[in-house]
PDB file of N, CA and C in Angstrom:
ATOM      1  N   MET A   1     -24.797 -71.396 -35.347  1.00  0.00           N
ATOM      2  CA  MET A   1     -25.172 -71.053 -36.899  1.00  0.00           C
ATOM      3  C   MET A   1     -23.737 -71.270 -37.335  1.00  0.00           C
ATOM      4  N   ARG A   2     -23.901 -71.401 -38.752  1.00  0.00           N
ATOM      5  CA  ARG A   2     -22.626 -71.661 -39.748  1.00  0.00           C
ATOM      6  C   ARG A   2     -21.708 -70.585 -40.559  1.00  0.00           C
ATOM      7  N   ILE A   3     -20.661 -69.863 -40.803  1.00  0.00           N
ATOM      8  CA  ILE A   3     -20.512 -68.756 -41.144  1.00  0.00           C
ATOM      9  C   ILE A   3     -20.931 -68.457 -42.540  1.00  0.00           C
ATOM     10  N   SER A   4     -21.554 -69.778 -43.421  1.00  0.00           N
ATOM     11  CA  SER A   4     -21.909 -69.846 -44.712  1.00  0.00           C
ATOM     12  C   SER A   4     -23.815 -69.153 -44.440  1.00  0.00           C
ATOM     13  N   GLU A   5     -23.967 -69.174 -43.014  1.00  0.00           N
ATOM     14  CA  GLU A   5     -25.598 -68.875 -42.802  1.00  0.00           C
ATOM     15  C   GLU A   5     -25.865 -67.192 -42.647  1.00  0.00           C
ATOM     16  N   VAL A   6     -24.433 -66.896 -41.873  1.00  0.00           N
ATOM     17  CA  VAL A   6     -24.239 -65.510 -40.978  1.00  0.00           C
ATOM     18  C   VAL A   6     -24.088 -64.606 -42.667  1.00  0.00           C
ATOM     19  N   THR A   7     -23.310 -65.500 -43.231  1.00  0.00           N
ATOM     20  CA  THR A   7     -22.875 -64.705 -44.598  1.00  0.00           C
ATOM     21  C   THR A   7     -23.594 -64.255 -45.625  1.00  0.00           C
ATOM     22  N   GLU A   8     -24.930 -65.430 -45.533  1.00  0.00           N
ATOM     23  CA  GLU A   8     -26.340 -64.901 -46.321  1.00  0.00           C
ATOM     24  C   GLU A   8     -26.986 -64.009 -45.841  1.00  0.00           C
ATOM     25  N   ARG A   9     -27.581 -63.919 -44.046  1.00  0.00           N
ATOM     26  CA  ARG A   9     -28.009 -63.183 -43.374  1.00  0.00           C
ATOM     27  C   ARG A   9     -27.620 -61.523 -43.440  1.00  0.00           C
ATOM     28  N   THR A  10     -26.404 -61.138 -43.255  1.00  0.00           N
ATOM     29  CA  THR A  10     -25.806 -60.007 -43.302  1.00  0.00           C
ATOM     30  C   THR A  10     -25.290 -59.338 -44.431  1.00  0.00           C
ATOM     31  N   GLY A  11     -24.602 -60.478 -45.354  1.00  0.00           N
ATOM     32  CA  GLY A  11     -24.324 -60.070 -46.524  1.00  0.00           C
ATOM     33  C   GLY A  11     -23.022 -59.681 -46.595  1.00  0.00           C
ATOM     34  N   ILE A  12     -22.510 -59.922 -45.330  1.00  0.00           N
ATOM     35  CA  ILE A  12     -21.293 -59.564 -45.025  1.00  0.00           C
ATOM     36  C   ILE A  12     -20.128 -61.377 -45.685  1.00  0.00           C
ATOM     37  N   PRO A  13     -19.462 -60.924 -46.616  1.00  0.00           N
ATOM     38  CA  PRO A  13     -18.549 -61.731 -47.108  1.00  0.00           C
ATOM     39  C   PRO A  13     -17.786 -62.962 -45.814  1.00  0.00           C
ATOM     40  N   ALA A  14     -17.333 -64.426 -45.864  1.00  0.00           N
ATOM     41  CA  ALA A  14     -17.081 -65.005 -44.759  1.00  0.00           C
ATOM     42  C   ALA A  14     -15.771 -64.477 -44.237  1.00  0.00           C
ATOM     43  N   ARG A  15     -14.835 -64.116 -45.676  1.00  0.00           N
ATOM     44  CA  ARG A  15     -13.472 -63.848 -45.215  1.00  0.00           C
ATOM     45  C   ARG A  15     -13.686 -62.775 -44.183  1.00  0.00           C
ATOM     46  N   LEU A  16     -14.552 -61.555 -44.489  1.00  0.00           N
ATOM     47  CA  LEU A  16     -14.798 -60.735 -43.663  1.00  0.00           C
ATOM     48  C   LEU A  16     -14.779 -60.841 -42.673  1.00  0.00           C
ATOM     49  N   LEU A  17     -16.215 -61.839 -42.098  1.00  0.00           N
ATOM     50  CA  LEU A  17     -16.393 -62.131 -40.513  1.00  0.00           C
ATOM     51  C   LEU A  17     -15.057 -62.411 -39.868  1.00  0.00           C
ATOM     52  N   ARG A  18     -14.207 -63.904 -41.095  1.00  0.00           N
ATOM     53  CA  ARG A  18     -12.910 -64.742 -40.003  1.00  0.00           C
ATOM     54  C   ARG A  18     -12.181 -62.947 -40.056  1.00  0.00           C
ATOM     55  N   TYR A  19     -11.692 -62.151 -40.901  1.00  0.00           N
ATOM     56  CA  TYR A  19     -11.097 -60.643 -40.376  1.00  0.00           C
ATOM     57  C   TYR A  19     -11.815 -59.995 -38.832  1.00  0.00           C
ATOM     58  N   TYR A  20     -13.039 -59.844 -39.232  1.00  0.00           N
ATOM     59  CA  TYR A  20     -13.395 -59.487 -37.815  1.00  0.00           C
ATOM     60  C   TYR A  20     -12.883 -59.997 -36.297  1.00  0.00           C
ATOM     61  N   GLU A  21     -12.748 -61.515 -36.290  1.00  0.00           N
ATOM     62  CA  GLU A  21     -12.572 -62.492 -35.621  1.00  0.00           C
ATOM     63  C   GLU A  21     -11.188 -62.223 -35.222  1.00  0.00           C
ATOM     64  N   GLU A  22     -10.114 -61.767 -36.406  1.00  0.00           N
ATOM     65  CA  GLU A  22      -8.806 -61.631 -36.337  1.00  0.00           C
ATOM     66  C   GLU A  22      -8.404 -60.379 -35.330  1.00  0.00           C
ATOM     67  N   GLN A  23      -9.622 -59.462 -35.304  1.00  0.00           N
ATOM     68  CA  GLN A  23      -9.369 -57.968 -35.153  1.00  0.00           C
ATOM     69  C   GLN A  23      -9.954 -58.254 -33.465  1.00  0.00           C
ATOM     70  N   ASP A  24     -10.645 -59.431 -33.415  1.00  0.00           N
ATOM     71  CA  ASP A  24     -11.119 -59.329 -31.969  1.00  0.00           C
ATOM     72  C   ASP A  24     -12.389 -58.563 -31.313  1.00  0.00           C
ATOM     73  N   LEU A  25     -13.250 -58.508 -32.825  1.00  0.00           N
ATOM     74  CA  LEU A  25     -14.363 -57.259 -33.223  1.00  0.00           C
ATOM     75  C   LEU A  25     -15.295 -58.652 -32.886  1.00  0.00           C
ATOM     76  N   LEU A  26     -14.949 -59.944 -33.493  1.00  0.00           N
ATOM     77  CA  LEU A  26     -16.319 -60.968 -33.241  1.00  0.00           C
ATOM     78  C   LEU A  26     -15.783 -62.066 -32.868  1.00  0.00           C
ATOM     79  N   VAL A  27     -16.396 -63.087 -31.538  1.00  0.00           N
ATOM     80  CA  VAL A  27     -15.728 -63.603 -31.175  1.00  0.00           C
ATOM     81  C   VAL A  27     -17.204 -64.615 -30.889  1.00  0.00           C
ATOM     82  N   PRO A  28     -17.141 -65.088 -32.005  1.00  0.00           N
ATOM     83  CA  PRO A  28     -17.788 -67.012 -32.420  1.00  0.00           C
ATOM     84  C   PRO A  28     -17.626 -68.131 -31.214  1.00  0.00           C
ATOM     85  N   GLY A  29     -18.640 -68.753 -30.879  1.00  0.00           N
ATOM     86  CA  GLY A  29     -18.146 -70.155 -30.199  1.00  0.00           C
ATOM     87  C   GLY A  29     -17.691 -71.081 -31.433  1.00  0.00           C
ATOM     88  N   ARG A  30     -17.031 -72.287 -30.486  1.00  0.00           N
ATOM     89  CA  ARG A  30     -16.411 -72.907 -31.727  1.00  0.00           C
ATOM     90  C   ARG A  30     -17.359 -73.934 -30.938  1.00  0.00           C
ATOM     91  N   ASN A  31     -18.009 -75.339 -31.717  1.00  0.00           N
ATOM     92  CA  ASN A  31     -18.506 -76.200 -31.910  1.00  0.00           C
ATOM     93  C   ASN A  31     -17.369 -77.428 -31.459  1.00  0.00           C
ATOM     94  N   ALA A  32     -17.281 -78.560 -31.158  1.00  0.00           N
ATOM     95  CA  ALA A  32     -16.882 -79.815 -31.086  1.00  0.00           C
ATOM     96  C   ALA A  32     -15.708 -79.999 -31.825  1.00  0.00           C
ATOM     97  N   SER A  33     -16.515 -79.861 -33.823  1.00  0.00           N
ATOM     98  CA  SER A  33     -14.987 -80.083 -34.653  1.00  0.00           C
ATOM     99  C   SER A  33     -14.253 -78.748 -34.564  1.00  0.00           C
ATOM    100  N   GLY A  34     -14.850 -77.937 -33.972  1.00  0.00           N
ATOM    101  CA  GLY A  34     -13.647 -76.813 -33.999  1.00  0.00           C
ATOM    102  C   GLY A  34     -14.722 -75.891 -35.033  1.00  0.00           C
ATOM    103  N   TYR A  35     -15.415 -75.956 -35.798  1.00  0.00           N
ATOM    104  CA  TYR A  35     -16.055 -75.097 -36.670  1.00  0.00           C
ATOM    105  C   TYR A  35     -16.737 -74.000 -35.740  1.00  0.00           C
ATOM    106  N   ARG A  36     -16.633 -72.830 -36.560  1.00  0.00           N
ATOM    107  CA  ARG A  36     -17.011 -71.446 -36.202  1.00  0.00           C
ATOM    108  C   ARG A  36     -19.006 -72.053 -35.392  1.00  0.00           C
ATOM    109  N   ASP A  37     -19.227 -71.283 -34.559  1.00  0.00           N
ATOM    110  CA  ASP A  37     -20.897 -71.101 -33.816  1.00  0.00           C
ATOM    111  C   ASP A  37     -21.271 -70.004 -33.889  1.00  0.00           C
ATOM    112  N   TYR A  38     -21.962 -69.434 -35.177  1.00  0.00           N
ATOM    113  CA  TYR A  38     -21.975 -68.152 -34.647  1.00  0.00           C
ATOM    114  C   TYR A  38     -23.869 -68.063 -34.018  1.00  0.00           C
ATOM    115  N   THR A  39     -23.951 -67.201 -32.911  1.00  0.00           N
ATOM    116  CA  THR A  39     -25.590 -67.311 -32.700  1.00  0.00           C
ATOM    117  C   THR A  39     -26.287 -65.941 -33.236  1.00  0.00           C
ATOM    118  N   ASP A  40     -27.509 -65.822 -32.847  1.00  0.00           N
ATOM    119  CA  ASP A  40     -28.401 -64.300 -33.058  1.00  0.00           C
ATOM    120  C   ASP A  40     -27.365 -63.061 -32.842  1.00  0.00           C
ATOM    121  N   GLN A  41     -27.472 -63.108 -31.673  1.00  0.00           N
ATOM    122  CA  GLN A  41     -25.844 -61.907 -31.615  1.00  0.00           C
ATOM    123  C   GLN A  41     -25.135 -61.631 -31.777  1.00  0.00           C
ATOM    124  N   ASP A  42     -24.387 -62.473 -32.500  1.00  0.00           N
ATOM    125  CA  ASP A  42     -23.179 -62.760 -33.498  1.00  0.00           C
ATOM    126  C   ASP A  42     -23.326 -62.034 -34.906  1.00  0.00           C
ATOM    127  N   VAL A  43     -24.699 -62.499 -34.904  1.00  0.00           N
ATOM    128  CA  VAL A  43     -25.289 -61.620 -36.730  1.00  0.00           C
ATOM    129  C   VAL A  43     -25.467 -60.269 -36.142  1.00  0.00           C
ATOM    130  N   GLU A  44     -26.102 -59.739 -34.849  1.00  0.00           N
ATOM    131  CA  GLU A  44     -25.914 -58.397 -34.581  1.00  0.00           C
ATOM    132  C   GLU A  44     -24.606 -57.968 -34.594  1.00  0.00           C
ATOM    133  N   VAL A  45     -23.611 -58.382 -34.119  1.00  0.00           N
ATOM    134  CA  VAL A  45     -22.532 -57.136 -33.921  1.00  0.00           C
ATOM    135  C   VAL A  45     -21.780 -57.214 -35.021  1.00  0.00           C
ATOM    136  N   ALA A  46     -22.118 -58.016 -36.157  1.00  0.00           N
ATOM    137  CA  ALA A  46     -21.140 -58.489 -37.288  1.00  0.00           C
ATOM    138  C   ALA A  46     -21.845 -56.945 -38.154  1.00  0.00           C
ATOM    139  N   ARG A  47     -23.073 -57.252 -37.863  1.00  0.00           N
ATOM    140  CA  ARG A  47     -23.882 -55.723 -38.740  1.00  0.00           C
ATOM    141  C   ARG A  47     -23.121 -54.093 -37.905  1.00  0.00           C
ATOM    142  N   ARG A  48     -23.086 -54.429 -36.755  1.00  0.00           N
ATOM    143  CA  ARG A  48     -22.845 -53.025 -36.232  1.00  0.00           C
ATOM    144  C   ARG A  48     -21.122 -52.811 -36.822  1.00  0.00           C
ATOM    145  N   ILE A  49     -20.404 -54.107 -36.661  1.00  0.00           N
ATOM    146  CA  ILE A  49     -19.204 -53.703 -37.225  1.00  0.00           C
ATOM    147  C   ILE A  49     -19.106 -53.017 -38.144  1.00  0.00           C
ATOM    148  N   ARG A  50     -19.967 -53.709 -39.729  1.00  0.00           N
ATOM    149  CA  ARG A  50     -19.911 -53.295 -41.081  1.00  0.00           C
ATOM    150  C   ARG A  50     -20.539 -51.696 -41.201  1.00  0.00           C
ATOM    151  N   GLN A  51     -21.309 -51.547 -40.153  1.00  0.00           N
ATOM    152  CA  GLN A  51     -22.162 -50.224 -40.270  1.00  0.00           C
ATOM    153  C   GLN A  51     -20.831 -48.942 -40.172  1.00  0.00           C
ATOM    154  N   LEU A  52     -19.687 -49.606 -38.223  1.00  0.00           N
ATOM    155  CA  LEU A  52     -18.992 -48.596 -37.991  1.00  0.00           C
ATOM    156  C   LEU A  52     -17.745 -48.424 -39.455  1.00  0.00           C
ATOM    157  N   LEU A  53     -17.637 -49.910 -39.749  1.00  0.00           N
ATOM    158  CA  LEU A  53     -16.611 -49.157 -40.724  1.00  0.00           C
ATOM    159  C   LEU A  53     -17.217 -48.040 -42.249  1.00  0.00           C
ATOM    160  N   ASP A  54     -18.625 -48.733 -42.358  1.00  0.00           N
ATOM    161  CA  ASP A  54     -19.125 -47.911 -43.384  1.00  0.00           C
ATOM    162  C   ASP A  54     -18.528 -46.519 -42.844  1.00  0.00           C
ATOM    163  N   ALA A  55     -18.870 -45.750 -41.810  1.00  0.00           N
ATOM    164  CA  ALA A  55     -18.846 -44.699 -41.551  1.00  0.00           C
ATOM    165  C   ALA A  55     -17.532 -44.222 -41.388  1.00  0.00           C
ATOM    166  N   GLY A  56     -16.905 -45.033 -41.103  1.00  0.00           N
ATOM    167  CA  GLY A  56     -15.479 -44.468 -41.510  1.00  0.00           C
ATOM    168  C   GLY A  56     -14.579 -44.974 -40.222  1.00  0.00           C
ATOM    169  N   LEU A  57     -14.963 -45.720 -39.001  1.00  0.00           N
ATOM    170  CA  LEU A  57     -14.172 -45.914 -38.905  1.00  0.00           C
ATOM    171  C   LEU A  57     -13.197 -47.107 -38.729  1.00  0.00           C
ATOM    172  N   GLY A  58     -12.042 -46.827 -37.999  1.00  0.00           N
ATOM    173  CA  GLY A  58     -11.190 -48.327 -38.332  1.00  0.00           C
ATOM    174  C   GLY A  58     -11.578 -49.412 -36.675  1.00  0.00           C
ATOM    175  N   THR A  59     -11.027 -50.596 -37.388  1.00  0.00           N
ATOM    176  CA  THR A  59     -11.107 -51.676 -36.376  1.00  0.00           C
ATOM    177  C   THR A  59     -10.395 -50.872 -34.991  1.00  0.00           C
ATOM    178  N   ALA A  60      -9.592 -50.254 -34.898  1.00  0.00           N
ATOM    179  CA  ALA A  60      -9.344 -49.776 -33.620  1.00  0.00           C
ATOM    180  C   ALA A  60     -10.002 -49.382 -32.502  1.00  0.00           C
ATOM    181  N   ALA A  61     -11.118 -48.297 -33.437  1.00  0.00           N
ATOM    182  CA  ALA A  61     -11.972 -47.740 -33.108  1.00  0.00           C
ATOM    183  C   ALA A  61     -13.122 -48.614 -32.205  1.00  0.00           C
ATOM    184  N   ILE A  62     -13.736 -49.156 -33.160  1.00  0.00           N
ATOM    185  CA  ILE A  62     -14.770 -50.530 -33.224  1.00  0.00           C
ATOM    186  C   ILE A  62     -14.428 -51.024 -31.894  1.00  0.00           C
ATOM    187  N   ARG A  63     -13.095 -51.381 -32.219  1.00  0.00           N
ATOM    188  CA  ARG A  63     -12.926 -52.245 -30.807  1.00  0.00           C
ATOM    189  C   ARG A  63     -13.290 -51.556 -29.063  1.00  0.00           C
ATOM    190  N   THR A  64     -12.425 -50.738 -29.415  1.00  0.00           N
ATOM    191  CA  THR A  64     -13.359 -49.417 -28.376  1.00  0.00           C
ATOM    192  C   THR A  64     -14.696 -49.311 -27.722  1.00  0.00           C
ATOM    193  N   VAL A  65     -15.734 -49.371 -28.994  1.00  0.00           N
ATOM    194  CA  VAL A  65     -16.929 -48.223 -28.631  1.00  0.00           C
ATOM    195  C   VAL A  65     -17.534 -49.479 -28.906  1.00  0.00           C
ATOM    196  N   LEU A  66     -17.544 -50.680 -29.568  1.00  0.00           N
ATOM    197  CA  LEU A  66     -18.442 -51.910 -29.774  1.00  0.00           C
ATOM    198  C   LEU A  66     -19.510 -52.293 -28.284  1.00  0.00           C
ATOM    199  N   PRO A  67     -18.457 -52.437 -27.481  1.00  0.00           N
ATOM    200  CA  PRO A  67     -19.033 -53.541 -26.147  1.00  0.00           C
ATOM    201  C   PRO A  67     -20.058 -52.123 -25.786  1.00  0.00           C
ATOM    202  N   CYS A  68     -19.454 -50.687 -26.201  1.00  0.00           N
ATOM    203  CA  CYS A  68     -21.011 -49.996 -25.513  1.00  0.00           C
ATOM    204  C   CYS A  68     -21.355 -49.238 -26.420  1.00  0.00           C
ATOM    205  N   LEU A  69     -22.467 -49.762 -27.320  1.00  0.00           N
ATOM    206  CA  LEU A  69     -22.995 -49.701 -28.499  1.00  0.00           C
ATOM    207  C   LEU A  69     -24.508 -50.556 -28.383  1.00  0.00           C
ATOM    208  N   THR A  70     -25.868 -49.773 -28.303  1.00  0.00           N
ATOM    209  CA  THR A  70     -27.126 -51.014 -28.563  1.00  0.00           C
ATOM    210  C   THR A  70     -27.704 -49.991 -30.168  1.00  0.00           C
ATOM    211  N   GLU A  71     -28.960 -50.939 -30.241  1.00  0.00           N
ATOM    212  CA  GLU A  71     -29.500 -50.415 -31.135  1.00  0.00           C
ATOM    213  C   GLU A  71     -30.778 -50.212 -30.856  1.00  0.00           C
ATOM    214  N   HIS A  72     -30.998 -48.906 -31.019  1.00  0.00           N
ATOM    215  CA  HIS A  72     -32.315 -48.207 -30.632  1.00  0.00           C
ATOM    216  C   HIS A  72     -32.699 -47.429 -31.224  1.00  0.00           C
ATOM    217  N   ALA A  73     -34.148 -48.184 -32.181  1.00  0.00           N
ATOM    218  CA  ALA A  73     -34.769 -48.064 -33.336  1.00  0.00           C
ATOM    219  C   ALA A  73     -34.356 -48.100 -34.252  1.00  0.00           C
ATOM    220  N   GLY A  74     -33.578 -48.438 -34.798  1.00  0.00           N
ATOM    221  CA  GLY A  74     -32.394 -49.437 -35.505  1.00  0.00           C
ATOM    222  C   GLY A  74     -31.322 -48.115 -35.803  1.00  0.00           C
ATOM    223  N   ARG A  75     -31.181 -47.460 -34.849  1.00  0.00           N
ATOM    224  CA  ARG A  75     -30.122 -46.586 -34.988  1.00  0.00           C
ATOM    225  C   ARG A  75     -28.948 -47.376 -33.782  1.00  0.00           C
ATOM    226  N   LEU A  76     -27.840 -47.084 -34.070  1.00  0.00           N
ATOM    227  CA  LEU A  76     -26.801 -47.389 -33.405  1.00  0.00           C
ATOM    228  C   LEU A  76     -26.713 -46.081 -32.748  1.00  0.00           C
ATOM    229  N   THR A  77     -26.222 -46.842 -30.913  1.00  0.00           N
ATOM    230  CA  THR A  77     -27.224 -45.696 -29.608  1.00  0.00           C
ATOM    231  C   THR A  77     -25.756 -45.905 -27.950  1.00  0.00           C
ATOM    232  N   PRO A  78     -25.356 -45.148 -28.220  1.00  0.00           N
ATOM    233  CA  PRO A  78     -23.988 -45.371 -27.028  1.00  0.00           C
ATOM    234  C   PRO A  78     -24.725 -45.585 -26.052  1.00  0.00           C
ATOM    235  N   THR A  79     -24.122 -46.092 -24.805  1.00  0.00           N
ATOM    236  CA  THR A  79     -24.593 -46.800 -23.510  1.00  0.00           C
ATOM    237  C   THR A  79     -23.547 -46.323 -22.467  1.00  0.00           C
ATOM    238  N   CYS A  80     -22.315 -45.522 -22.753  1.00  0.00           N
ATOM    239  CA  CYS A  80     -21.373 -45.190 -22.142  1.00  0.00           C
ATOM    240  C   CYS A  80     -20.899 -43.995 -22.425  1.00  0.00           C
ATOM    241  N   THR A  81     -20.732 -43.061 -21.114  1.00  0.00           N
ATOM    242  CA  THR A  81     -20.247 -41.833 -21.543  1.00  0.00           C
ATOM    243  C   THR A  81     -19.531 -41.503 -22.126  1.00  0.00           C
ATOM    244  N   ASP A  82     -18.128 -42.625 -21.984  1.00  0.00           N
ATOM    245  CA  ASP A  82     -16.939 -42.077 -22.810  1.00  0.00           C
ATOM    246  C   ASP A  82     -16.744 -42.508 -24.234  1.00  0.00           C
ATOM    247  N   THR A  83     -18.101 -43.518 -24.562  1.00  0.00           N
ATOM    248  CA  THR A  83     -17.753 -43.905 -25.962  1.00  0.00           C
ATOM    249  C   THR A  83     -18.311 -42.425 -26.961  1.00  0.00           C
ATOM    250  N   ILE A  84     -19.070 -41.460 -26.303  1.00  0.00           N
ATOM    251  CA  ILE A  84     -20.005 -40.257 -27.011  1.00  0.00           C
ATOM    252  C   ILE A  84     -18.186 -39.345 -27.683  1.00  0.00           C
ATOM    253  N   GLU A  85     -17.466 -39.233 -26.169  1.00  0.00           N
ATOM    254  CA  GLU A  85     -16.083 -38.327 -26.457  1.00  0.00           C
ATOM    255  C   GLU A  85     -15.235 -39.013 -27.981  1.00  0.00           C
ATOM    256  N   ASP A  86     -15.556 -40.842 -27.409  1.00  0.00           N
ATOM    257  CA  ASP A  86     -14.149 -41.514 -28.144  1.00  0.00           C
ATOM    258  C   ASP A  86     -14.664 -41.255 -30.011  1.00  0.00           C
ATOM    259  N   LEU A  87     -16.284 -41.507 -30.237  1.00  0.00           N
ATOM    260  CA  LEU A  87     -16.692 -41.385 -31.414  1.00  0.00           C
ATOM    261  C   LEU A  87     -16.854 -39.470 -31.850  1.00  0.00           C
ATOM    262  N   GLU A  88     -16.305 -38.502 -31.068  1.00  0.00           N
ATOM    263  CA  GLU A  88     -16.408 -37.614 -31.067  1.00  0.00           C
ATOM    264  C   GLU A  88     -15.221 -37.390 -31.773  1.00  0.00           C
ATOM    265  N   ARG A  89     -13.593 -37.563 -31.303  1.00  0.00           N
ATOM    266  CA  ARG A  89     -12.082 -38.019 -31.839  1.00  0.00           C
ATOM    267  C   ARG A  89     -12.360 -38.792 -33.301  1.00  0.00           C
ATOM    268  N   GLU A  90     -12.933 -39.239 -33.434  1.00  0.00           N
ATOM    269  CA  GLU A  90     -13.271 -40.362 -35.164  1.00  0.00           C
ATOM    270  C   GLU A  90     -14.200 -39.403 -35.430  1.00  0.00           C
ATOM    271  N   GLN A  91     -14.835 -38.260 -35.540  1.00  0.00           N
ATOM    272  CA  GLN A  91     -15.656 -37.094 -35.950  1.00  0.00           C
ATOM    273  C   GLN A  91     -14.217 -36.675 -36.299  1.00  0.00           C
ATOM    274  N   VAL A  92     -13.916 -36.040 -35.610  1.00  0.00           N
ATOM    275  CA  VAL A  92     -12.967 -34.908 -35.965  1.00  0.00           C
ATOM    276  C   VAL A  92     -11.786 -35.381 -36.903  1.00  0.00           C
ATOM    277  N   ARG A  93     -11.553 -36.561 -36.664  1.00  0.00           N
ATOM    278  CA  ARG A  93     -10.150 -37.520 -37.364  1.00  0.00           C
ATOM    279  C   ARG A  93     -11.068 -36.959 -38.894  1.00  0.00           C
ATOM    280  N   ILE A  94     -12.089 -37.927 -38.854  1.00  0.00           N
ATOM    281  CA  ILE A  94     -12.977 -38.253 -40.394  1.00  0.00           C
ATOM    282  C   ILE A  94     -12.939 -36.454 -40.854  1.00  0.00           C
ATOM    283  N   GLU A  95     -13.320 -35.363 -40.606  1.00  0.00           N
ATOM    284  CA  GLU A  95     -13.181 -33.898 -40.890  1.00  0.00           C
ATOM    285  C   GLU A  95     -12.071 -33.749 -41.445  1.00  0.00           C
ATOM    286  N   ALA A  96     -11.449 -33.678 -40.884  1.00  0.00           N
ATOM    287  CA  ALA A  96      -9.601 -33.596 -40.450  1.00  0.00           C
ATOM    288  C   ALA A  96      -9.371 -34.523 -42.156  1.00  0.00           C
ATOM    289  N   SER A  97      -9.802 -35.984 -42.624  1.00  0.00           N
ATOM    290  CA  SER A  97      -8.973 -36.104 -43.778  1.00  0.00           C
ATOM    291  C   SER A  97     -10.256 -36.193 -44.690  1.00  0.00           C
ATOM    292  N   ILE A  98     -11.374 -35.219 -44.588  1.00  0.00           N
ATOM    293  CA  ILE A  98     -12.350 -34.570 -45.746  1.00  0.00           C
ATOM    294  C   ILE A  98     -10.950 -33.787 -46.181  1.00  0.00           C
ATOM    295  N   ALA A  99     -11.146 -32.440 -45.240  1.00  0.00           N
ATOM    296  CA  ALA A  99     -10.465 -31.441 -45.180  1.00  0.00           C
ATOM    297  C   ALA A  99      -9.176 -31.541 -46.209  1.00  0.00           C
ATOM    298  N   ALA A 100      -8.615 -32.575 -45.807  1.00  0.00           N
ATOM    299  CA  ALA A 100      -7.118 -32.499 -46.386  1.00  0.00           C
ATOM    300  C   ALA A 100      -7.354 -33.877 -48.275  1.00  0.00           C
ATOM    301  N   LEU A 101      -8.528 -34.021 -47.971  1.00  0.00           N
ATOM    302  CA  LEU A 101      -9.044 -34.693 -49.455  1.00  0.00           C
ATOM    303  C   LEU A 101      -9.323 -33.396 -50.256  1.00  0.00           C
ATOM    304  N   THR A 102      -9.849 -32.697 -49.795  1.00  0.00           N
ATOM    305  CA  THR A 102     -10.518 -31.262 -50.651  1.00  0.00           C
ATOM    306  C   THR A 102      -9.324 -30.220 -51.202  1.00  0.00           C
ATOM    307  N   ALA A 103      -8.529 -30.627 -50.159  1.00  0.00           N
ATOM    308  CA  ALA A 103      -7.534 -29.631 -50.651  1.00  0.00           C
ATOM    309  C   ALA A 103      -6.765 -30.165 -51.722  1.00  0.00           C
ATOM    310  N   SER A 104      -6.372 -31.690 -51.375  1.00  0.00           N
ATOM    311  CA  SER A 104      -5.947 -32.661 -52.367  1.00  0.00           C
ATOM    312  C   SER A 104      -6.874 -31.802 -54.258  1.00  0.00           C
ATOM    313  N   ARG A 105      -7.439 -32.516 -53.719  1.00  0.00           N
ATOM    314  CA  ARG A 105      -8.868 -32.428 -55.127  1.00  0.00           C
ATOM    315  C   ARG A 105      -8.889 -31.186 -56.021  1.00  0.00           C
ATOM    316  N   ASP A 106      -9.121 -29.890 -55.046  1.00  0.00           N
ATOM    317  CA  ASP A 106      -8.605 -28.208 -55.339  1.00  0.00           C
ATOM    318  C   ASP A 106      -6.831 -28.091 -55.454  1.00  0.00           C
ATOM    319  N   ALA A 107      -6.186 -29.199 -55.665  1.00  0.00           N
ATOM    320  CA  ALA A 107      -4.983 -28.395 -55.778  1.00  0.00           C
ATOM    321  C   ALA A 107      -4.808 -28.967 -57.788  1.00  0.00           C
ATOM    322  N   ILE A 108      -5.418 -30.386 -57.409  1.00  0.00           N
ATOM    323  CA  ILE A 108      -5.056 -31.459 -58.861  1.00  0.00           C
ATOM    324  C   ILE A 108      -6.116 -30.490 -59.972  1.00  0.00           C
ATOM    325  N   GLY A 109      -7.308 -29.578 -59.376  1.00  0.00           N
ATOM    326  CA  GLY A 109      -8.345 -28.973 -60.200  1.00  0.00           C
ATOM    327  C   GLY A 109      -7.612 -27.768 -60.810  1.00  0.00           C
ATOM    328  N   SER A 110      -6.668 -27.025 -60.131  1.00  0.00           N
ATOM    329  CA  SER A 110      -5.699 -25.873 -60.421  1.00  0.00           C
ATOM    330  C   SER A 110      -5.097 -26.766 -61.501  1.00  0.00           C
ATOM    331  N   VAL A 111      -4.536 -27.588 -61.412  1.00  0.00           N
ATOM    332  CA  VAL A 111      -3.114 -28.294 -62.039  1.00  0.00           C
ATOM    333  C   VAL A 111      -4.118 -28.489 -63.807  1.00  0.00           C
ATOM    334  N   ILE A 112      -5.189 -28.984 -63.223  1.00  0.00           N
ATOM    335  CA  ILE A 112      -5.862 -29.475 -64.555  1.00  0.00           C
ATOM    336  C   ILE A 112      -6.179 -27.848 -65.388  1.00  0.00           C
ATOM    337  N   ASP A 113      -6.915 -27.387 -64.249  1.00  0.00           N
ATOM    338  CA  ASP A 113      -7.104 -26.019 -64.916  1.00  0.00           C
ATOM    339  C   ASP A 113      -6.526 -25.181 -65.901  1.00  0.00           C
ATOM    340  N   ALA A 114      -4.653 -25.273 -65.277  1.00  0.00           N
ATOM    341  CA  ALA A 114      -4.269 -24.309 -65.907  1.00  0.00           C
ATOM    342  C   ALA A 114      -3.493 -25.444 -66.969  1.00  0.00           C
ATOM    343  N   GLY A 115      -3.423 -26.563 -67.291  1.00  0.00           N
ATOM    344  CA  GLY A 115      -3.136 -27.671 -68.388  1.00  0.00           C
ATOM    345  C   GLY A 115      -4.398 -26.964 -69.533  1.00  0.00           C
ATOM    346  N   ARG A 116      -5.559 -27.104 -69.096  1.00  0.00           N
ATOM    347  CA  ARG A 116      -6.428 -26.772 -70.059  1.00  0.00           C
ATOM    348  C   ARG A 116      -6.101 -25.456 -70.575  1.00  0.00           C
ATOM    349  N   ALA A 117      -5.772 -23.874 -69.942  1.00  0.00           N
ATOM    350  CA  ALA A 117      -6.212 -22.865 -70.101  1.00  0.00           C
ATOM    351  C   ALA A 117      -4.263 -22.842 -70.694  1.00  0.00           C
ATOM    352  N   GLY A 118      -3.282 -23.361 -71.386  1.00  0.00           N
ATOM    353  CA  GLY A 118      -1.957 -23.443 -71.547  1.00  0.00           C
ATOM    354  C   GLY A 118      -2.320 -23.974 -72.973  1.00  0.00           C
ATOM    355  N   SER A 119      -3.094 -24.970 -72.409  1.00  0.00           N
ATOM    356  CA  SER A 119      -3.344 -25.822 -74.624  1.00  0.00           C
ATOM    357  C   SER A 119      -4.497 -24.946 -75.089  1.00  0.00           C
ATOM    358  N   ALA A 120      -5.623 -23.803 -74.886  1.00  0.00           N
ATOM    359  CA  ALA A 120      -6.329 -23.487 -75.495  1.00  0.00           C
ATOM    360  C   ALA A 120      -5.714 -22.419 -76.538  1.00  0.00           C
TER     361      ALA A 120
END
């Protein structure tokens, strides 16, 4: 199928599908004319990539875990032992980012509160 059909079926813009390909996350075939030729499996892979990006993983991490994920009962499920460890490392990284953002938010809140108190 053409890239426009994949976009229609997944809601993922064509430019992102091309980006996934540039990042070696998605490898569609090519027809005789050189156009991308996507399969139903490519559609599923694109959806998984989108889920993982939405979950906060970067493309390098996705490249590592993607081959070891399957979908079971509508949920991504690791099929390789190392994948769980990779995802746990990503979870720790995300938690550290949340902590840093929370500290930044609180610091800005303190400045705002001081400004409000000073102008009252």
